[in-house]
PDB file of N, CA and C in Angstrom:
ATOM      1  N   MET A   1      -8.926   8.087   5.430  1.00  0.00           N
ATOM      2  CA  MET A   1      -9.729   6.927   4.972  1.00  0.00           C
ATOM      3  C   MET A   1      -9.178   5.866   5.548  1.00  0.00           C
ATOM      4  N   THR A   2      -9.549   4.557   5.680  1.00  0.00           N
ATOM      5  CA  THR A   2      -8.868   3.468   6.186  1.00  0.00           C
ATOM      6  C   THR A   2      -8.993   2.397   4.843  1.00  0.00           C
ATOM      7  N   ILE A   3      -7.721   1.781   4.928  1.00  0.00           N
ATOM      8  CA  ILE A   3      -7.492   0.690   3.779  1.00  0.00           C
ATOM      9  C   ILE A   3      -6.883  -0.452   4.731  1.00  0.00           C
ATOM     10  N   ILE A   4      -6.887  -1.583   3.808  1.00  0.00           N
ATOM     11  CA  ILE A   4      -6.058  -2.961   4.469  1.00  0.00           C
ATOM     12  C   ILE A   4      -5.007  -3.176   3.518  1.00  0.00           C
ATOM     13  N   VAL A   5      -3.817  -3.034   4.433  1.00  0.00           N
ATOM     14  CA  VAL A   5      -2.465  -3.654   3.717  1.00  0.00           C
ATOM     15  C   VAL A   5      -2.184  -4.654   4.223  1.00  0.00           C
ATOM     16  N   ASN A   6      -1.813  -5.815   3.555  1.00  0.00           N
ATOM     17  CA  ASN A   6      -1.356  -7.051   4.136  1.00  0.00           C
ATOM     18  C   ASN A   6      -2.127  -7.477   5.386  1.00  0.00           C
ATOM     19  N   ARG A   7      -3.424  -7.456   5.382  1.00  0.00           N
ATOM     20  CA  ARG A   7      -4.300  -7.880   6.521  1.00  0.00           C
ATOM     21  C   ARG A   7      -4.283  -6.769   7.686  1.00  0.00           C
ATOM     22  N   THR A   8      -3.540  -5.589   7.621  1.00  0.00           N
ATOM     23  CA  THR A   8      -3.437  -4.589   8.674  1.00  0.00           C
ATOM     24  C   THR A   8      -4.143  -3.430   8.064  1.00  0.00           C
ATOM     25  N   LYS A   9      -5.228  -2.810   9.049  1.00  0.00           N
ATOM     26  CA  LYS A   9      -5.690  -1.663   8.918  1.00  0.00           C
ATOM     27  C   LYS A   9      -4.854  -0.383   8.762  1.00  0.00           C
ATOM     28  N   ILE A  10      -4.889   0.352   7.903  1.00  0.00           N
ATOM     29  CA  ILE A  10      -4.129   1.680   7.968  1.00  0.00           C
ATOM     30  C   ILE A  10      -4.923   2.857   7.504  1.00  0.00           C
ATOM     31  N   ARG A  11      -4.547   3.808   8.491  1.00  0.00           N
ATOM     32  CA  ARG A  11      -5.406   5.132   8.168  1.00  0.00           C
ATOM     33  C   ARG A  11      -4.368   6.043   7.468  1.00  0.00           C
ATOM     34  N   ILE A  12      -5.033   6.705   6.237  1.00  0.00           N
ATOM     35  CA  ILE A  12      -4.254   7.348   5.585  1.00  0.00           C
ATOM     36  C   ILE A  12      -5.264   8.352   4.854  1.00  0.00           C
ATOM     37  N   PHE A  13      -4.623   9.560   4.321  1.00  0.00           N
ATOM     38  CA  PHE A  13      -5.258  10.591   4.087  1.00  0.00           C
ATOM     39  C   PHE A  13      -6.162  10.423   2.552  1.00  0.00           C
ATOM     40  N   SER A  14      -7.281  11.217   2.612  1.00  0.00           N
ATOM     41  CA  SER A  14      -8.397  10.849   1.553  1.00  0.00           C
ATOM     42  C   SER A  14      -7.433  11.450   0.261  1.00  0.00           C
ATOM     43  N   GLY A  15      -7.502  10.634  -0.915  1.00  0.00           N
ATOM     44  CA  GLY A  15      -6.936  11.012  -2.115  1.00  0.00           C
ATOM     45  C   GLY A  15      -5.655  10.414  -2.307  1.00  0.00           C
ATOM     46  N   ALA A  16      -5.290   9.616  -1.378  1.00  0.00           N
ATOM     47  CA  ALA A  16      -3.919   8.992  -1.411  1.00  0.00           C
ATOM     48  C   ALA A  16      -3.876   7.872  -2.608  1.00  0.00           C
ATOM     49  N   LYS A  17      -2.418   7.822  -2.962  1.00  0.00           N
ATOM     50  CA  LYS A  17      -2.225   7.010  -3.955  1.00  0.00           C
ATOM     51  C   LYS A  17      -1.656   5.413  -3.294  1.00  0.00           C
ATOM     52  N   VAL A  18      -1.500   4.592  -4.085  1.00  0.00           N
ATOM     53  CA  VAL A  18      -0.904   3.066  -3.676  1.00  0.00           C
ATOM     54  C   VAL A  18       0.606   3.390  -3.134  1.00  0.00           C
ATOM     55  N   GLY A  19       1.311   4.170  -3.841  1.00  0.00           N
ATOM     56  CA  GLY A  19       2.601   4.693  -3.177  1.00  0.00           C
ATOM     57  C   GLY A  19       2.724   5.331  -1.864  1.00  0.00           C
ATOM     58  N   ASP A  20       1.722   6.138  -1.648  1.00  0.00           N
ATOM     59  CA  ASP A  20       1.448   6.567  -0.392  1.00  0.00           C
ATOM     60  C   ASP A  20       1.307   5.508   0.722  1.00  0.00           C
ATOM     61  N   ALA A  21       0.525   4.592   0.355  1.00  0.00           N
ATOM     62  CA  ALA A  21      -0.033   3.539   1.400  1.00  0.00           C
ATOM     63  C   ALA A  21       1.296   2.622   1.532  1.00  0.00           C
ATOM     64  N   VAL A  22       2.209   2.314   0.703  1.00  0.00           N
ATOM     65  CA  VAL A  22       2.953   1.489   0.706  1.00  0.00           C
ATOM     66  C   VAL A  22       4.022   2.064   1.658  1.00  0.00           C
ATOM     67  N   LEU A  23       4.407   3.387   1.398  1.00  0.00           N
ATOM     68  CA  LEU A  23       5.166   4.198   2.317  1.00  0.00           C
ATOM     69  C   LEU A  23       4.809   4.332   3.761  1.00  0.00           C
ATOM     70  N   ARG A  24       3.564   4.317   4.032  1.00  0.00           N
ATOM     71  CA  ARG A  24       2.874   4.427   5.509  1.00  0.00           C
ATOM     72  C   ARG A  24       3.256   3.172   6.096  1.00  0.00           C
ATOM     73  N   TRP A  25       2.711   1.996   5.317  1.00  0.00           N
ATOM     74  CA  TRP A  25       3.038   0.512   5.588  1.00  0.00           C
ATOM     75  C   TRP A  25       4.470   0.550   6.083  1.00  0.00           C
ATOM     76  N   ALA A  26       5.385   0.768   5.057  1.00  0.00           N
ATOM     77  CA  ALA A  26       6.878   0.501   5.581  1.00  0.00           C
ATOM     78  C   ALA A  26       7.333   1.435   6.670  1.00  0.00           C
ATOM     79  N   VAL A  27       6.699   2.423   6.818  1.00  0.00           N
ATOM     80  CA  VAL A  27       7.282   3.067   8.012  1.00  0.00           C
ATOM     81  C   VAL A  27       6.743   2.620   9.205  1.00  0.00           C
ATOM     82  N   ARG A  28       5.516   2.066   9.358  1.00  0.00           N
ATOM     83  CA  ARG A  28       4.731   1.524  10.397  1.00  0.00           C
ATOM     84  C   ARG A  28       5.504   0.241  10.858  1.00  0.00           C
ATOM     85  N   ASN A  29       6.089  -0.360   9.979  1.00  0.00           N
ATOM     86  CA  ASN A  29       6.791  -1.685  10.157  1.00  0.00           C
ATOM     87  C   ASN A  29       8.341  -1.701  10.258  1.00  0.00           C
ATOM     88  N   ARG A  30       8.625  -0.344  10.165  1.00  0.00           N
ATOM     89  CA  ARG A  30      10.084   0.079  10.453  1.00  0.00           C
ATOM     90  C   ARG A  30      10.740  -0.711   9.423  1.00  0.00           C
ATOM     91  N   LEU A  31      10.578  -0.362   8.338  1.00  0.00           N
ATOM     92  CA  LEU A  31      11.295  -1.034   6.921  1.00  0.00           C
ATOM     93  C   LEU A  31      12.223   0.162   6.292  1.00  0.00           C
ATOM     94  N   ASP A  32      13.059  -0.338   5.603  1.00  0.00           N
ATOM     95  CA  ASP A  32      13.933   0.657   5.016  1.00  0.00           C
ATOM     96  C   ASP A  32      13.090   1.327   3.800  1.00  0.00           C
ATOM     97  N   ILE A  33      12.842   2.660   3.889  1.00  0.00           N
ATOM     98  CA  ILE A  33      11.851   3.417   2.914  1.00  0.00           C
ATOM     99  C   ILE A  33      12.620   3.535   1.541  1.00  0.00           C
ATOM    100  N   SER A  34      13.980   3.124   1.369  1.00  0.00           N
ATOM    101  CA  SER A  34      14.546   3.353   0.056  1.00  0.00           C
ATOM    102  C   SER A  34      14.087   2.209  -0.678  1.00  0.00           C
ATOM    103  N   GLU A  35      13.638   1.130  -0.099  1.00  0.00           N
ATOM    104  CA  GLU A  35      13.123  -0.111  -0.776  1.00  0.00           C
ATOM    105  C   GLU A  35      11.627   0.036  -1.469  1.00  0.00           C
ATOM    106  N   VAL A  36      10.950   0.944  -1.038  1.00  0.00           N
ATOM    107  CA  VAL A  36       9.583   1.249  -1.232  1.00  0.00           C
ATOM    108  C   VAL A  36       9.281   1.067  -2.546  1.00  0.00           C
ATOM    109  N   SER A  37      10.156   1.951  -3.360  1.00  0.00           N
ATOM    110  CA  SER A  37       9.848   1.812  -4.962  1.00  0.00           C
ATOM    111  C   SER A  37      10.034   0.263  -5.567  1.00  0.00           C
ATOM    112  N   SER A  38      10.520  -0.511  -5.044  1.00  0.00           N
ATOM    113  CA  SER A  38      10.862  -1.887  -5.552  1.00  0.00           C
ATOM    114  C   SER A  38       9.801  -2.802  -5.103  1.00  0.00           C
ATOM    115  N   LEU A  39       8.844  -2.380  -4.096  1.00  0.00           N
ATOM    116  CA  LEU A  39       7.767  -3.310  -3.830  1.00  0.00           C
ATOM    117  C   LEU A  39       6.775  -3.340  -4.674  1.00  0.00           C
ATOM    118  N   GLN A  40       6.258  -4.579  -4.726  1.00  0.00           N
ATOM    119  CA  GLN A  40       5.300  -4.865  -6.086  1.00  0.00           C
ATOM    120  C   GLN A  40       3.828  -4.928  -5.069  1.00  0.00           C
ATOM    121  N   VAL A  41       2.869  -4.449  -5.593  1.00  0.00           N
ATOM    122  CA  VAL A  41       1.557  -4.280  -4.923  1.00  0.00           C
ATOM    123  C   VAL A  41       0.511  -4.887  -5.934  1.00  0.00           C
ATOM    124  N   THR A  42      -0.198  -5.478  -5.098  1.00  0.00           N
ATOM    125  CA  THR A  42      -1.410  -6.280  -5.805  1.00  0.00           C
ATOM    126  C   THR A  42      -2.722  -5.890  -5.195  1.00  0.00           C
ATOM    127  N   ASP A  43      -3.872  -5.962  -5.823  1.00  0.00           N
ATOM    128  CA  ASP A  43      -5.237  -5.800  -5.205  1.00  0.00           C
ATOM    129  C   ASP A  43      -5.596  -7.090  -4.783  1.00  0.00           C
ATOM    130  N   LYS A  44      -6.854  -7.239  -4.197  1.00  0.00           N
ATOM    131  CA  LYS A  44      -7.122  -8.553  -3.419  1.00  0.00           C
ATOM    132  C   LYS A  44      -7.522  -9.754  -4.402  1.00  0.00           C
ATOM    133  N   TRP A  45      -7.553  -9.223  -5.917  1.00  0.00           N
ATOM    134  CA  TRP A  45      -7.626 -10.410  -6.664  1.00  0.00           C
ATOM    135  C   TRP A  45      -6.408 -10.811  -7.393  1.00  0.00           C
ATOM    136  N   GLY A  46      -5.111 -10.293  -6.928  1.00  0.00           N
ATOM    137  CA  GLY A  46      -3.784 -10.455  -7.430  1.00  0.00           C
ATOM    138  C   GLY A  46      -3.313  -9.543  -8.610  1.00  0.00           C
ATOM    139  N   HIS A  47      -4.110  -8.636  -9.055  1.00  0.00           N
ATOM    140  CA  HIS A  47      -3.770  -7.816 -10.165  1.00  0.00           C
ATOM    141  C   HIS A  47      -2.853  -6.830  -9.713  1.00  0.00           C
ATOM    142  N   LYS A  48      -1.418  -6.812 -10.507  1.00  0.00           N
ATOM    143  CA  LYS A  48      -0.742  -5.590 -10.260  1.00  0.00           C
ATOM    144  C   LYS A  48      -1.306  -4.301 -10.107  1.00  0.00           C
ATOM    145  N   LEU A  49      -0.794  -3.472  -9.295  1.00  0.00           N
ATOM    146  CA  LEU A  49      -1.115  -1.997  -9.050  1.00  0.00           C
ATOM    147  C   LEU A  49       0.157  -1.325  -9.106  1.00  0.00           C
ATOM    148  N   ASP A  50      -0.113   0.083  -9.955  1.00  0.00           N
ATOM    149  CA  ASP A  50       0.807   1.006 -10.030  1.00  0.00           C
ATOM    150  C   ASP A  50       0.882   1.838  -8.722  1.00  0.00           C
ATOM    151  N   HIS A  51       2.236   2.232  -8.457  1.00  0.00           N
ATOM    152  CA  HIS A  51       2.359   3.025  -7.337  1.00  0.00           C
ATOM    153  C   HIS A  51       1.395   4.299  -7.255  1.00  0.00           C
ATOM    154  N   ALA A  52       1.094   4.906  -8.757  1.00  0.00           N
ATOM    155  CA  ALA A  52       0.553   5.988  -8.815  1.00  0.00           C
ATOM    156  C   ALA A  52      -1.092   5.880  -8.917  1.00  0.00           C
ATOM    157  N   ALA A  53      -1.663   4.410  -8.839  1.00  0.00           N
ATOM    158  CA  ALA A  53      -2.931   4.321  -8.718  1.00  0.00           C
ATOM    159  C   ALA A  53      -3.747   4.896  -7.664  1.00  0.00           C
ATOM    160  N   PRO A  54      -5.003   5.276  -7.885  1.00  0.00           N
ATOM    161  CA  PRO A  54      -5.830   5.826  -6.519  1.00  0.00           C
ATOM    162  C   PRO A  54      -6.168   4.690  -5.591  1.00  0.00           C
ATOM    163  N   LEU A  55      -6.417   5.120  -4.441  1.00  0.00           N
ATOM    164  CA  LEU A  55      -6.890   4.267  -3.595  1.00  0.00           C
ATOM    165  C   LEU A  55      -8.546   4.657  -3.027  1.00  0.00           C
ATOM    166  N   SER A  56      -9.304   3.831  -2.808  1.00  0.00           N
ATOM    167  CA  SER A  56     -10.708   3.903  -2.193  1.00  0.00           C
ATOM    168  C   SER A  56     -10.832   3.618  -0.583  1.00  0.00           C
ATOM    169  N   GLU A  57     -11.811   4.227  -0.077  1.00  0.00           N
ATOM    170  CA  GLU A  57     -12.379   3.533   1.249  1.00  0.00           C
ATOM    171  C   GLU A  57     -12.341   2.027   1.279  1.00  0.00           C
ATOM    172  N   ASN A  58     -11.718   1.325   2.131  1.00  0.00           N
ATOM    173  CA  ASN A  58     -11.740   0.104   2.632  1.00  0.00           C
ATOM    174  C   ASN A  58     -11.157  -1.107   1.460  1.00  0.00           C
ATOM    175  N   GLN A  59     -10.190  -0.332   0.693  1.00  0.00           N
ATOM    176  CA  GLN A  59      -9.753  -0.985  -0.346  1.00  0.00           C
ATOM    177  C   GLN A  59      -8.514  -2.122   0.226  1.00  0.00           C
ATOM    178  N   ILE A  60      -8.602  -3.192  -0.439  1.00  0.00           N
ATOM    179  CA  ILE A  60      -7.418  -4.107   0.133  1.00  0.00           C
ATOM    180  C   ILE A  60      -6.302  -4.221  -0.966  1.00  0.00           C
ATOM    181  N   ILE A  61      -5.284  -4.209  -0.347  1.00  0.00           N
ATOM    182  CA  ILE A  61      -3.953  -4.366  -1.238  1.00  0.00           C
ATOM    183  C   ILE A  61      -2.773  -5.252  -0.492  1.00  0.00           C
ATOM    184  N   LYS A  62      -2.064  -5.836  -1.283  1.00  0.00           N
ATOM    185  CA  LYS A  62      -1.064  -6.776  -0.624  1.00  0.00           C
ATOM    186  C   LYS A  62       0.119  -6.302  -1.390  1.00  0.00           C
ATOM    187  N   ILE A  63       1.229  -6.149  -0.123  1.00  0.00           N
ATOM    188  CA  ILE A  63       2.616  -5.785  -0.851  1.00  0.00           C
ATOM    189  C   ILE A  63       3.401  -7.105  -0.689  1.00  0.00           C
ATOM    190  N   ILE A  64       4.074  -7.278  -1.708  1.00  0.00           N
ATOM    191  CA  ILE A  64       5.006  -8.427  -2.228  1.00  0.00           C
ATOM    192  C   ILE A  64       6.325  -7.794  -2.106  1.00  0.00           C
ATOM    193  N   ASN A  65       7.096  -8.418  -1.238  1.00  0.00           N
ATOM    194  CA  ASN A  65       8.756  -8.062  -1.239  1.00  0.00           C
ATOM    195  C   ASN A  65       9.365  -9.026  -2.089  1.00  0.00           C
ATOM    196  N   GLN A  66       9.910  -8.539  -3.051  1.00  0.00           N
ATOM    197  CA  GLN A  66      10.719  -9.441  -3.954  1.00  0.00           C
ATOM    198  C   GLN A  66      12.082  -9.677  -3.594  1.00  0.00           C
TER     199      GLN A  66
END
């Protein structure tokens, strides 16, 4: 499935969770994966998302580096 992370399309497996998308985004952007768990994620309305939350096709999320 395809989702949007920080205005970038990312292909990820069906049934993926928010944490999977954050990890995929971090690897794609060559970030240190040890920092993935500390990244905060929101939906397109600014609501905080848990890393265990399920994703759906064409969902838009934003990763905030604190």
